[in-house]
N, C-alpha and C. Protein backbone atom coordinates (compact mmCIF):
# COMPACT_ATOMS: atom_id res chain seq x y z
N ILE A 1 16.47 5.02 19.83
CA ILE A 1 16.19 3.95 20.85
C ILE A 1 17.27 4.69 22.29
N ASP A 2 16.29 4.64 23.32
CA ASP A 2 16.90 5.46 24.89
C ASP A 2 17.32 4.62 25.91
N SER A 3 17.41 5.57 26.90
CA SER A 3 17.41 4.76 28.09
C SER A 3 16.72 3.81 28.37
N THR A 4 15.24 4.37 28.16
CA THR A 4 13.77 3.43 28.58
C THR A 4 13.98 2.14 27.98
N CYS A 5 14.83 1.42 27.22
CA CYS A 5 14.65 0.25 26.65
C CYS A 5 15.65 -0.35 26.32
N GLN A 6 15.50 -1.67 26.23
CA GLN A 6 16.47 -2.65 26.38
C GLN A 6 16.53 -3.37 25.11
N ILE A 7 17.64 -3.29 24.25
CA ILE A 7 17.57 -4.22 23.30
C ILE A 7 17.66 -5.98 23.56
N ILE A 8 16.59 -6.58 22.78
CA ILE A 8 16.32 -8.27 23.06
C ILE A 8 17.37 -8.97 21.97
N TYR A 9 17.07 -7.98 21.02
CA TYR A 9 17.61 -8.92 19.52
C TYR A 9 18.29 -8.00 18.70
N GLY A 10 19.00 -8.30 17.85
CA GLY A 10 19.61 -7.27 16.77
C GLY A 10 20.21 -6.09 16.80
N GLY A 11 19.82 -5.18 16.42
CA GLY A 11 20.71 -3.68 16.74
C GLY A 11 21.40 -3.20 15.95
N LYS A 12 21.84 -4.56 15.11
CA LYS A 12 23.30 -4.30 14.39
C LYS A 12 23.01 -3.52 12.96
N THR A 13 23.93 -3.13 12.61
CA THR A 13 23.70 -2.42 11.29
C THR A 13 24.71 -3.24 9.93
N HIS A 14 23.98 -3.32 8.85
CA HIS A 14 24.49 -3.78 7.72
C HIS A 14 24.52 -3.60 6.52
N LYS A 15 25.47 -3.69 5.62
CA LYS A 15 25.39 -2.94 4.39
C LYS A 15 24.39 -2.49 3.81
N VAL A 16 24.09 -1.26 2.61
CA VAL A 16 23.07 -1.21 2.18
C VAL A 16 23.12 -2.26 0.76
N ASP A 17 24.36 -2.86 0.40
CA ASP A 17 24.63 -4.01 -0.54
C ASP A 17 23.99 -4.92 -0.58
N ASP A 18 23.76 -5.33 0.94
CA ASP A 18 23.35 -6.77 1.45
C ASP A 18 21.73 -6.88 0.95
N ARG A 19 21.07 -5.85 0.91
CA ARG A 19 19.83 -5.11 1.21
C ARG A 19 18.92 -6.04 2.09
N PHE A 20 19.67 -5.76 3.35
CA PHE A 20 19.17 -6.65 4.67
C PHE A 20 19.77 -5.51 5.76
N VAL A 21 18.87 -5.31 6.85
CA VAL A 21 18.99 -5.09 7.88
C VAL A 21 18.39 -5.58 9.16
N ALA A 22 19.41 -6.24 9.82
CA ALA A 22 18.81 -7.43 11.03
C ALA A 22 17.54 -6.82 11.60
N PRO A 23 16.65 -7.47 11.94
CA PRO A 23 15.31 -7.22 12.76
C PRO A 23 15.98 -6.60 13.84
N THR A 24 15.37 -5.73 14.61
CA THR A 24 15.68 -5.45 16.11
C THR A 24 14.63 -5.58 17.05
N VAL A 25 14.79 -6.27 17.78
CA VAL A 25 13.47 -6.34 19.18
C VAL A 25 13.88 -5.61 20.43
N VAL A 26 13.31 -4.45 20.41
CA VAL A 26 13.48 -3.85 21.94
C VAL A 26 12.11 -4.23 23.08
N GLU A 27 12.84 -4.33 24.51
CA GLU A 27 11.42 -3.94 25.21
C GLU A 27 11.38 -2.66 25.42
N ALA A 28 10.39 -1.92 25.63
CA ALA A 28 9.76 -0.74 25.91
C ALA A 28 8.89 -0.86 26.96
N ASN A 29 8.72 0.84 27.35
CA ASN A 29 7.09 0.87 28.11
C ASN A 29 6.41 2.61 27.34
N ALA A 30 5.40 2.89 27.77
CA ALA A 30 5.26 3.79 27.57
C ALA A 30 5.75 4.70 26.95
N ASP A 31 6.72 5.38 27.99
CA ASP A 31 7.43 6.70 28.02
C ASP A 31 8.60 6.73 27.36
N SER A 32 9.26 5.33 26.59
CA SER A 32 10.06 4.99 25.48
C SER A 32 10.13 6.13 24.45
N ASN A 33 11.07 6.65 24.10
CA ASN A 33 10.96 7.55 22.53
C ASN A 33 9.96 6.75 21.65
N ILE A 34 10.74 5.16 21.18
CA ILE A 34 10.19 4.71 20.34
C ILE A 34 8.59 4.31 20.52
N MET A 35 8.35 4.40 21.58
CA MET A 35 6.65 4.53 21.46
C MET A 35 5.95 5.76 21.44
N LYS A 36 6.65 6.76 20.54
CA LYS A 36 5.89 7.99 20.80
C LYS A 36 5.69 8.88 19.15
N SER A 37 5.97 7.37 18.37
CA SER A 37 6.10 7.99 17.12
C SER A 37 5.99 6.83 16.25
N GLU A 38 5.67 6.78 14.63
CA GLU A 38 5.62 5.30 14.04
C GLU A 38 6.69 4.93 13.88
N ILE A 39 6.96 3.85 13.57
CA ILE A 39 7.93 2.87 13.20
C ILE A 39 8.21 2.69 11.97
N PHE A 40 9.31 3.11 11.08
CA PHE A 40 8.99 2.83 9.99
C PHE A 40 10.73 1.42 9.72
N GLY A 41 10.87 0.56 9.75
CA GLY A 41 11.98 -0.17 9.57
C GLY A 41 11.95 -1.38 10.39
N PRO A 42 12.53 -2.16 10.40
CA PRO A 42 12.75 -3.96 10.97
C PRO A 42 12.77 -3.65 12.56
N VAL A 43 12.00 -2.53 12.76
CA VAL A 43 12.35 -2.76 14.78
C VAL A 43 10.83 -3.07 15.59
N LEU A 44 11.18 -3.75 16.23
CA LEU A 44 9.78 -4.06 17.21
C LEU A 44 9.74 -4.10 18.47
N ALA A 45 8.91 -3.07 18.66
CA ALA A 45 8.84 -2.55 20.22
C ALA A 45 7.93 -3.68 21.00
N VAL A 46 8.61 -4.06 22.04
CA VAL A 46 7.36 -5.09 23.08
C VAL A 46 7.64 -4.67 24.31
N VAL A 47 5.81 -4.46 24.11
CA VAL A 47 5.81 -4.07 25.90
C VAL A 47 4.87 -5.46 26.47
N THR A 48 5.58 -5.49 27.76
CA THR A 48 5.11 -6.98 28.22
C THR A 48 3.56 -6.39 29.22
N VAL A 49 2.24 -7.09 29.18
CA VAL A 49 1.33 -7.30 29.68
C VAL A 49 0.62 -8.55 30.13
N PRO A 50 -0.11 -8.87 31.02
CA PRO A 50 -0.58 -9.85 31.92
C PRO A 50 -1.33 -10.70 30.69
N ASN A 51 -2.54 -9.92 29.54
CA ASN A 51 -3.08 -10.69 29.01
C ASN A 51 -3.75 -9.95 27.54
N VAL A 52 -4.74 -10.20 27.56
CA VAL A 52 -5.20 -10.18 26.47
C VAL A 52 -5.60 -8.39 26.64
N GLN A 53 -6.71 -8.89 27.59
CA GLN A 53 -7.23 -7.55 28.28
C GLN A 53 -6.24 -6.56 28.76
N GLY A 54 -5.06 -6.74 29.20
CA GLY A 54 -4.04 -5.58 29.46
C GLY A 54 -3.73 -5.02 28.16
N ALA A 55 -3.25 -5.81 27.52
CA ALA A 55 -2.49 -5.27 26.01
C ALA A 55 -3.83 -4.14 25.33
N ILE A 56 -4.93 -4.39 25.33
CA ILE A 56 -6.02 -3.21 25.16
C ILE A 56 -6.28 -2.26 25.93
N ASP A 57 -6.44 -2.20 27.48
CA ASP A 57 -6.25 -1.29 28.32
C ASP A 57 -4.86 -0.33 28.17
N PHE A 58 -3.64 -0.99 27.80
CA PHE A 58 -2.59 -0.47 27.69
C PHE A 58 -2.79 0.70 26.32
N VAL A 59 -3.15 -0.03 25.21
CA VAL A 59 -3.27 0.94 24.32
C VAL A 59 -4.19 2.04 24.42
N ASN A 60 -5.27 1.88 24.68
CA ASN A 60 -6.42 2.49 25.10
C ASN A 60 -5.92 3.49 26.20
N THR A 61 -5.30 2.95 26.93
CA THR A 61 -5.19 4.21 28.22
C THR A 61 -4.20 5.65 27.64
N HIS A 62 -3.03 4.93 26.97
CA HIS A 62 -1.60 5.68 26.49
C HIS A 62 -1.95 6.20 25.26
N TYR A 63 -2.49 5.59 24.15
CA TYR A 63 -2.87 6.28 22.88
C TYR A 63 -4.04 6.35 22.52
N SER A 64 -4.78 5.26 22.20
CA SER A 64 -6.67 5.66 21.56
C SER A 64 -7.40 7.24 23.01
N SER A 65 -7.02 6.66 24.08
CA SER A 65 -7.70 8.04 24.83
C SER A 65 -7.45 9.34 24.29
N LYS A 66 -5.92 9.30 23.77
CA LYS A 66 -5.49 11.06 23.58
C LYS A 66 -5.89 11.27 22.12
N GLY A 67 -6.39 10.09 21.23
CA GLY A 67 -6.74 10.54 19.78
C GLY A 67 -5.56 10.06 19.22
N GLU A 68 -4.80 8.90 19.50
CA GLU A 68 -3.70 8.84 18.74
C GLU A 68 -4.01 7.19 18.69
N HIS A 69 -4.33 6.72 17.43
CA HIS A 69 -4.75 5.63 17.09
C HIS A 69 -3.43 4.74 15.69
N PRO A 70 -3.27 4.01 15.96
CA PRO A 70 -1.99 3.12 15.00
C PRO A 70 -2.93 3.19 13.51
N LEU A 71 -1.66 3.56 12.49
CA LEU A 71 -2.02 3.09 11.28
C LEU A 71 -1.99 1.88 10.80
N ALA A 72 -1.52 0.61 11.60
CA ALA A 72 -1.70 -0.27 11.24
C ALA A 72 -1.73 -1.20 12.40
N MET A 73 -2.60 -2.55 13.00
CA MET A 73 -2.43 -2.64 13.87
C MET A 73 -2.55 -4.42 13.52
N TYR A 74 -1.36 -5.10 14.01
CA TYR A 74 -1.04 -6.44 14.20
C TYR A 74 -1.43 -7.25 14.97
N ILE A 75 -2.42 -8.38 15.00
CA ILE A 75 -3.08 -9.54 15.76
C ILE A 75 -2.30 -10.89 15.23
N PHE A 76 -1.49 -11.35 16.45
CA PHE A 76 -1.50 -12.55 15.81
C PHE A 76 -1.94 -13.39 17.11
N SER A 77 -2.87 -14.28 16.79
CA SER A 77 -3.74 -14.97 17.74
C SER A 77 -5.09 -16.05 16.92
N LYS A 78 -4.67 -17.43 17.14
CA LYS A 78 -5.48 -18.38 16.34
C LYS A 78 -6.75 -18.12 17.04
N SER A 79 -6.96 -17.87 17.98
CA SER A 79 -8.45 -17.51 18.88
C SER A 79 -9.44 -16.36 17.89
N LYS A 80 -10.44 -16.77 17.65
CA LYS A 80 -11.34 -15.76 16.79
C LYS A 80 -11.66 -14.95 17.82
N GLU A 81 -12.23 -15.36 19.03
CA GLU A 81 -12.55 -14.40 19.90
C GLU A 81 -11.53 -13.21 20.52
N GLU A 82 -10.68 -13.97 20.57
CA GLU A 82 -9.21 -12.75 20.77
C GLU A 82 -9.26 -11.88 19.71
N GLN A 83 -9.13 -12.49 18.53
CA GLN A 83 -9.13 -11.70 17.06
C GLN A 83 -10.51 -10.47 17.31
N ASN A 84 -11.32 -10.92 17.30
CA ASN A 84 -12.56 -10.02 17.53
C ASN A 84 -12.78 -9.17 18.60
N GLN A 85 -12.24 -9.45 19.87
CA GLN A 85 -11.83 -8.54 21.24
C GLN A 85 -10.64 -7.08 20.99
N ILE A 86 -10.01 -7.82 20.25
CA ILE A 86 -8.73 -6.93 19.97
C ILE A 86 -9.88 -5.55 19.21
N MET A 87 -9.90 -6.34 18.01
CA MET A 87 -10.27 -5.64 16.61
C MET A 87 -11.49 -4.55 17.16
N THR A 88 -12.74 -4.81 17.82
CA THR A 88 -13.62 -3.99 17.80
C THR A 88 -13.26 -3.18 19.06
N SER A 89 -12.22 -3.43 20.57
CA SER A 89 -11.93 -2.62 21.59
C SER A 89 -10.84 -1.34 20.70
N ILE A 90 -9.83 -1.58 20.14
CA ILE A 90 -9.00 -0.38 19.62
C ILE A 90 -9.31 -0.13 18.54
N PRO A 91 -9.47 1.31 18.17
CA PRO A 91 -9.55 1.46 16.84
C PRO A 91 -7.93 1.54 16.16
N SER A 92 -8.20 1.58 14.90
CA SER A 92 -6.81 1.67 13.79
C SER A 92 -7.08 2.02 12.31
N GLY A 93 -5.96 1.55 11.66
CA GLY A 93 -6.27 2.06 10.31
C GLY A 93 -6.05 0.58 10.05
N MET A 94 -5.21 0.05 9.06
CA MET A 94 -5.42 -1.09 9.00
C MET A 94 -5.19 -2.63 9.33
N CYS A 95 -5.72 -3.29 9.47
CA CYS A 95 -5.14 -4.51 10.73
C CYS A 95 -5.13 -5.74 10.17
N ALA A 96 -3.72 -6.38 10.20
CA ALA A 96 -3.49 -7.69 9.31
C ALA A 96 -3.46 -8.96 10.81
N ILE A 97 -4.43 -9.96 10.29
CA ILE A 97 -4.29 -10.84 11.51
C ILE A 97 -3.15 -12.24 10.98
N ASN A 98 -2.18 -12.44 12.09
CA ASN A 98 -1.39 -13.41 11.51
C ASN A 98 -0.36 -13.22 10.46
N ASP A 99 -0.53 -12.11 9.78
CA ASP A 99 0.61 -11.87 9.06
C ASP A 99 1.03 -9.78 9.12
N VAL A 100 1.93 -9.96 8.46
CA VAL A 100 2.54 -8.36 8.59
C VAL A 100 2.76 -7.94 7.31
N LEU A 101 2.58 -8.18 6.17
CA LEU A 101 3.24 -7.85 4.78
C LEU A 101 1.91 -7.83 4.01
N LYS A 102 1.17 -8.81 3.86
CA LYS A 102 0.43 -9.02 3.02
C LYS A 102 -0.81 -8.21 2.31
N GLN A 103 -1.28 -7.65 3.60
CA GLN A 103 -2.64 -6.65 3.49
C GLN A 103 -2.36 -5.38 2.69
N SER A 104 -0.89 -5.10 2.51
CA SER A 104 -0.30 -3.51 2.26
C SER A 104 0.14 -4.04 0.49
N ALA A 105 -0.15 -4.88 0.07
CA ALA A 105 -0.36 -5.35 -0.92
C ALA A 105 -1.36 -5.77 -2.42
N ASN A 106 -2.29 -5.79 -1.17
CA ASN A 106 -3.59 -6.57 -1.65
C ASN A 106 -4.56 -5.21 -2.18
N TYR A 107 -4.88 -4.97 -3.61
CA TYR A 107 -5.93 -4.13 -4.15
C TYR A 107 -7.52 -4.23 -3.95
N HIS A 108 -7.70 -5.16 -2.81
CA HIS A 108 -8.82 -4.66 -2.41
C HIS A 108 -9.43 -4.11 -1.12
N LEU A 109 -8.29 -4.53 -0.23
CA LEU A 109 -8.35 -3.41 1.07
C LEU A 109 -8.12 -2.23 1.04
N PRO A 110 -8.99 -1.28 1.40
CA PRO A 110 -8.57 0.44 1.87
C PRO A 110 -7.36 0.66 2.86
N PHE A 111 -6.33 1.73 2.21
CA PHE A 111 -5.43 1.95 3.38
C PHE A 111 -5.40 3.10 3.95
N GLY A 112 -5.00 2.93 5.12
CA GLY A 112 -5.12 4.93 5.65
C GLY A 112 -5.60 4.37 6.88
N GLY A 113 -5.21 5.72 7.65
CA GLY A 113 -5.57 5.49 8.76
C GLY A 113 -6.57 6.11 9.82
N ILE A 114 -6.42 6.38 10.90
CA ILE A 114 -8.07 7.41 10.99
C ILE A 114 -7.27 8.08 12.35
N GLY A 115 -8.17 9.64 12.05
CA GLY A 115 -7.28 10.96 12.67
C GLY A 115 -6.21 11.70 11.71
N ALA A 116 -4.92 12.08 12.74
CA ALA A 116 -4.21 12.17 11.94
C ALA A 116 -3.26 11.07 11.00
N SER A 117 -3.45 10.32 10.98
CA SER A 117 -3.10 8.65 9.83
C SER A 117 -3.87 9.18 8.80
N GLY A 118 -5.13 9.52 8.73
CA GLY A 118 -6.43 9.15 8.11
C GLY A 118 -7.15 10.48 7.31
N MET A 119 -6.41 11.73 7.34
CA MET A 119 -6.97 12.87 6.41
C MET A 119 -6.75 12.43 4.76
N ASN A 120 -7.96 12.77 4.41
CA ASN A 120 -8.10 12.37 2.65
C ASN A 120 -9.16 13.48 2.45
N THR A 121 -9.92 12.90 1.26
CA THR A 121 -10.47 13.74 0.51
C THR A 121 -11.97 13.39 1.37
N TYR A 122 -13.22 14.84 1.29
CA TYR A 122 -14.29 14.64 1.76
C TYR A 122 -15.30 15.32 1.40
N TYR A 123 -15.36 14.87 -0.09
CA TYR A 123 -16.86 15.58 -0.65
C TYR A 123 -17.51 14.33 -1.32
N GLY A 124 -18.67 14.27 -1.38
CA GLY A 124 -19.92 13.63 -1.82
C GLY A 124 -19.16 12.09 -1.29
N LYS A 125 -19.67 11.15 -2.13
CA LYS A 125 -19.30 9.55 -1.72
C LYS A 125 -17.85 9.42 -1.14
N PHE A 126 -17.13 10.38 -1.38
CA PHE A 126 -15.75 9.95 -1.04
C PHE A 126 -15.71 10.45 0.76
N GLY A 127 -16.67 12.05 0.75
CA GLY A 127 -16.90 12.07 2.26
C GLY A 127 -17.76 11.00 3.25
N PHE A 128 -18.16 10.55 2.63
CA PHE A 128 -19.07 9.08 3.24
C PHE A 128 -18.16 8.52 3.69
N ASP A 129 -17.55 7.71 2.53
CA ASP A 129 -16.27 6.80 2.45
C ASP A 129 -15.55 7.36 3.66
N PHE A 130 -14.85 8.66 3.73
CA PHE A 130 -14.13 8.97 4.72
C PHE A 130 -14.52 8.66 6.08
N TYR A 131 -15.90 9.06 6.36
CA TYR A 131 -15.95 9.74 7.95
C TYR A 131 -16.81 7.97 7.87
N SER A 132 -16.29 7.16 7.20
CA SER A 132 -17.30 5.95 7.68
C SER A 132 -16.15 5.01 8.39
N HIS A 133 -14.81 5.30 7.47
CA HIS A 133 -13.67 4.54 8.08
C HIS A 133 -13.84 3.04 7.82
N TYR A 134 -13.63 2.57 6.58
CA TYR A 134 -13.39 1.11 6.55
C TYR A 134 -11.76 0.65 6.62
N ARG A 135 -12.08 -0.58 7.49
CA ARG A 135 -10.93 -1.03 7.85
C ARG A 135 -10.57 -2.34 7.09
N GLY A 136 -9.14 -2.34 6.47
CA GLY A 136 -9.01 -3.31 5.83
C GLY A 136 -8.10 -4.04 6.87
N THR A 137 -8.71 -5.72 6.83
CA THR A 137 -7.90 -6.59 7.80
C THR A 137 -7.75 -7.98 6.76
N LEU A 138 -6.70 -8.00 6.44
CA LEU A 138 -6.19 -9.46 6.27
C LEU A 138 -6.01 -10.26 7.53
N VAL A 139 -6.70 -11.77 7.06
CA VAL A 139 -6.15 -12.82 8.30
C VAL A 139 -5.13 -14.11 7.48
N GLU A 140 -4.40 -14.37 8.31
CA GLU A 140 -3.75 -15.04 7.26
C GLU A 140 -3.49 -16.43 8.68
N ASN A 141 -4.18 -17.29 7.88
CA ASN A 141 -4.27 -18.72 8.58
C ASN A 141 -3.08 -19.75 8.64
N ASN A 142 -2.28 -19.46 7.65
CA ASN A 142 -1.05 -20.24 6.98
C ASN A 142 -0.08 -20.33 8.18
N PHE A 143 0.04 -21.30 9.02
CA PHE A 143 1.38 -21.45 10.14
C PHE A 143 2.11 -22.59 9.62
N SER A 144 2.56 -22.67 8.25
CA SER A 144 3.23 -23.61 7.73
C SER A 144 4.29 -23.11 7.70
N THR A 145 4.87 -23.85 7.93
CA THR A 145 6.59 -24.05 7.70
C THR A 145 7.61 -24.96 6.90
N GLN A 146 6.65 -25.07 5.73
CA GLN A 146 7.24 -25.41 4.62
C GLN A 146 8.22 -24.74 4.23
N LYS A 147 9.46 -25.37 3.16
CA LYS A 147 10.42 -24.58 2.77
C LYS A 147 10.00 -24.08 1.38
N PHE A 148 9.08 -25.30 1.06
CA PHE A 148 8.42 -24.62 -0.33
C PHE A 148 6.70 -24.00 -0.87
N ASP A 149 6.48 -23.81 0.60
CA ASP A 149 5.15 -22.85 0.74
C ASP A 149 5.41 -21.75 0.05
N PRO A 150 4.96 -21.11 -1.01
CA PRO A 150 5.28 -19.67 -1.66
C PRO A 150 4.98 -18.64 -1.06
N THR A 151 4.05 -18.75 0.33
CA THR A 151 4.10 -17.74 1.19
C THR A 151 5.05 -17.30 2.54
N VAL A 152 5.92 -18.51 2.75
CA VAL A 152 6.78 -18.71 3.24
C VAL A 152 8.51 -18.44 2.40
N TRP A 153 8.37 -19.02 1.44
CA TRP A 153 9.56 -18.65 0.74
C TRP A 153 9.45 -16.92 0.45
N LEU A 154 8.65 -16.59 -0.14
CA LEU A 154 8.47 -15.18 -0.41
C LEU A 154 8.63 -14.18 0.57
N THR A 155 8.24 -14.80 1.90
CA THR A 155 8.50 -13.77 3.07
C THR A 155 9.49 -13.46 3.14
N PHE A 156 10.61 -14.56 3.56
CA PHE A 156 11.47 -14.94 4.23
C PHE A 156 12.98 -14.74 3.86
N PRO A 157 14.15 -13.99 4.17
CA PRO A 157 15.54 -13.94 3.35
C PRO A 157 15.48 -15.07 3.09
N PRO A 158 16.63 -15.17 2.12
CA PRO A 158 17.38 -13.83 1.53
C PRO A 158 16.13 -13.74 0.40
N TYR A 159 16.55 -12.08 -0.12
CA TYR A 159 15.76 -11.85 -1.02
C TYR A 159 16.91 -11.58 -2.25
N ASP A 160 16.84 -12.99 -3.08
CA ASP A 160 17.26 -12.22 -4.28
C ASP A 160 17.23 -11.64 -5.37
N GLY A 161 17.27 -11.71 -6.72
CA GLY A 161 16.48 -11.07 -7.94
C GLY A 161 15.33 -11.77 -7.99
N MET A 162 15.07 -13.21 -7.77
CA MET A 162 14.41 -14.19 -7.94
C MET A 162 12.98 -13.90 -7.28
N LYS A 163 12.83 -13.55 -5.99
CA LYS A 163 12.03 -12.88 -4.96
C LYS A 163 11.68 -11.45 -5.16
N LEU A 164 12.56 -10.87 -5.36
CA LEU A 164 12.24 -9.27 -6.07
C LEU A 164 11.09 -8.71 -7.00
N PHE A 165 11.73 -10.20 -8.27
CA PHE A 165 10.67 -9.97 -9.11
C PHE A 165 9.07 -10.40 -9.18
N ALA A 166 9.35 -11.65 -8.32
CA ALA A 166 7.98 -12.28 -7.89
C ALA A 166 7.04 -11.14 -7.17
N TYR A 167 7.94 -10.76 -6.21
CA TYR A 167 7.17 -9.49 -5.19
C TYR A 167 6.76 -8.35 -5.90
N ARG A 168 7.81 -7.88 -6.94
CA ARG A 168 7.17 -6.77 -7.79
C ARG A 168 5.62 -7.20 -8.52
N CYS A 169 5.87 -8.31 -8.95
CA CYS A 169 4.39 -9.01 -9.55
C CYS A 169 3.39 -8.88 -8.97
N ILE A 170 3.48 -9.09 -7.86
CA ILE A 170 2.02 -9.47 -7.04
C ILE A 170 2.04 -8.17 -6.32
N SER A 171 2.64 -7.03 -6.17
CA SER A 171 2.13 -6.06 -5.01
C SER A 171 1.74 -4.90 -5.67
N LYS A 172 1.14 -3.55 -5.08
CA LYS A 172 0.86 -2.31 -6.08
C LYS A 172 1.65 -1.84 -5.79
N PHE A 173 2.77 -1.71 -5.32
CA PHE A 173 3.73 -0.57 -5.18
C PHE A 173 5.06 -1.35 -5.48
N PRO A 174 5.94 -0.16 -6.65
CA PRO A 174 6.73 -0.34 -7.34
C PRO A 174 8.56 -0.97 -6.18
N LEU A 175 8.97 -1.82 -6.49
CA LEU A 175 10.21 -2.02 -5.74
C LEU A 175 11.15 -0.67 -5.64
N ILE A 176 11.71 -0.17 -5.03
CA ILE A 176 12.86 0.92 -4.77
C ILE A 176 13.73 0.32 -5.00
N LEU A 177 14.53 -0.81 -4.62
CA LEU A 177 16.10 -1.66 -4.61
C LEU A 177 16.54 -1.33 -5.64
N ASP A 178 16.00 -1.33 -6.50
CA ASP A 178 16.58 -1.49 -7.74
C ASP A 178 18.18 -0.67 -8.08
N ASN A 179 18.10 0.58 -7.37
CA ASN A 179 19.00 1.61 -7.29
C ASN A 179 19.93 1.66 -6.32
N ILE A 180 19.75 0.22 -5.42
CA ILE A 180 20.32 0.36 -4.12
C ILE A 180 21.63 -0.20 -4.21
């Protein structure tokens, strides 16, 4: 995080034994270093825009016009019109609507980006599929805050052995946390 960012929330480091790193939210702009590469971790860069069209214009001006497309796009909106407007206006790899986790564990959605994030096989049917770019999209309409709702229970901390086992059972990726 450089001088163009302001930490809004978090920014604290925790012990690896806790299996938890505090989420960090930073206010950034197009010139911020954090906006120039993919983010892997519990860091959310927030850019303030006036409306949905402003967000689309921001992404297309600073990234898509340069051939840089997000590996994944996350849309949070109850409005189907806004969801469709964003999906048709911004090229991306995967797309999740009202969720940030479940699409990566879904066997039935293709994973991969476009451009530099999407290089893949290109012969025969694989080539057709590669140049067609299927966008995996998950729409989560569960706005539940019930403690015993399985999606709420599994998604949020604390992450104990039971949750890790449940996640391992439904995920297509093995957890690497066993050795931590």
